Protein backbone atom coordinates (compact mmCIF):
# COMPACT_ATOMS: atom_id res chain seq x y z
CA ILE A 1 -73.00 102.50 180.52
CA PHE A 2 -71.82 100.22 177.72
CA THR A 3 -74.75 101.28 175.55
CA ILE A 4 -73.88 104.95 175.94
CA LEU A 5 -70.22 104.26 175.16
CA ARG A 6 -71.17 102.21 172.10
CA VAL A 7 -73.39 104.99 170.76
CA LEU A 8 -70.65 107.57 171.39
CA GLY A 9 -68.08 105.38 169.66
CA VAL A 10 -70.18 104.95 166.53
CA ALA A 11 -71.04 108.65 166.56
CA GLY A 12 -67.34 109.46 166.84
CA ILE A 13 -66.57 107.30 163.81
CA VAL A 14 -69.35 108.97 161.80
CA PHE A 15 -68.31 112.48 162.87
CA THR A 16 -64.64 111.84 162.10
CA GLY A 17 -65.59 110.33 158.73
CA ILE A 18 -67.61 113.41 157.83
CA LYS A 19 -64.69 115.64 158.84
CA TYR A 20 -62.42 113.51 156.62
CA MET A 21 -64.72 113.88 153.63
CA TYR A 22 -64.70 117.68 153.83
CA ALA A 23 -61.02 118.15 154.78
CA ASP A 24 -58.34 119.35 152.42
CA GLY A 25 -55.24 117.32 151.60
CA ASP A 26 -53.05 118.44 154.51
CA ALA A 27 -55.65 117.87 157.21
CA LYS A 28 -56.62 114.40 155.97
CA GLY A 29 -53.47 112.82 157.40
CA GLN A 30 -54.17 114.11 160.91
CA ILE A 31 -57.84 113.15 160.73
CA LYS A 32 -56.89 109.67 159.51
CA LYS A 33 -54.67 109.22 162.60
CA SER A 34 -57.47 110.28 164.93
CA LEU A 35 -59.93 108.01 163.10
CA ILE A 36 -57.68 105.03 163.78
CA PHE A 37 -57.72 105.80 167.51
CA VAL A 38 -61.50 106.25 167.51
CA ILE A 39 -62.00 102.91 165.75
CA ILE A 40 -59.63 101.10 168.14
CA GLY A 41 -61.40 102.65 171.13
CA THR A 42 -64.80 101.64 169.80
CA ILE A 43 -63.58 98.07 169.25
CA PHE A 44 -62.37 97.96 172.86
CA VAL A 45 -65.74 99.22 174.11
CA PHE A 46 -67.64 96.59 172.13
CA ALA A 47 -65.23 93.86 173.26
CA ALA A 48 -65.49 94.93 176.90
CA GLY A 49 -69.28 94.78 176.67
CA ILE A 50 -69.17 91.29 175.22
CA VAL A 51 -66.75 90.11 177.91
CA ALA A 52 -68.83 91.66 180.69
CA ASP A 53 -72.02 90.07 179.34
CA SER A 54 -70.29 86.69 179.08
CA ILE A 55 -68.96 86.87 182.63
CA ALA A 56 -72.35 87.95 183.95
CA GLY A 57 -73.96 85.05 182.09
CA ILE A 58 -71.50 82.54 183.51
CA PHE A 59 -71.91 83.74 187.08
CA GLY A 60 -75.67 83.95 186.61
CA GLU A 61 -75.79 80.26 185.67
CA VAL A 62 -73.50 79.25 188.56
CA ILE A 63 -75.60 81.08 191.16
CA LYS A 64 -78.89 79.54 189.96
């Protein structure tokens, strides 16, 4: 699931960046706001994956 969310997050950043490049002056402000939320969400997804992998690694070592 984390892999799918990571791919979607990066795709969202790329798609929003492309929209920003082709937008006119008035729309750029709104796209910039949405880009910030997409970047923050992607950071959370990557961080959650790292935390989950770390916890799984810790419990995997304890069980062995």
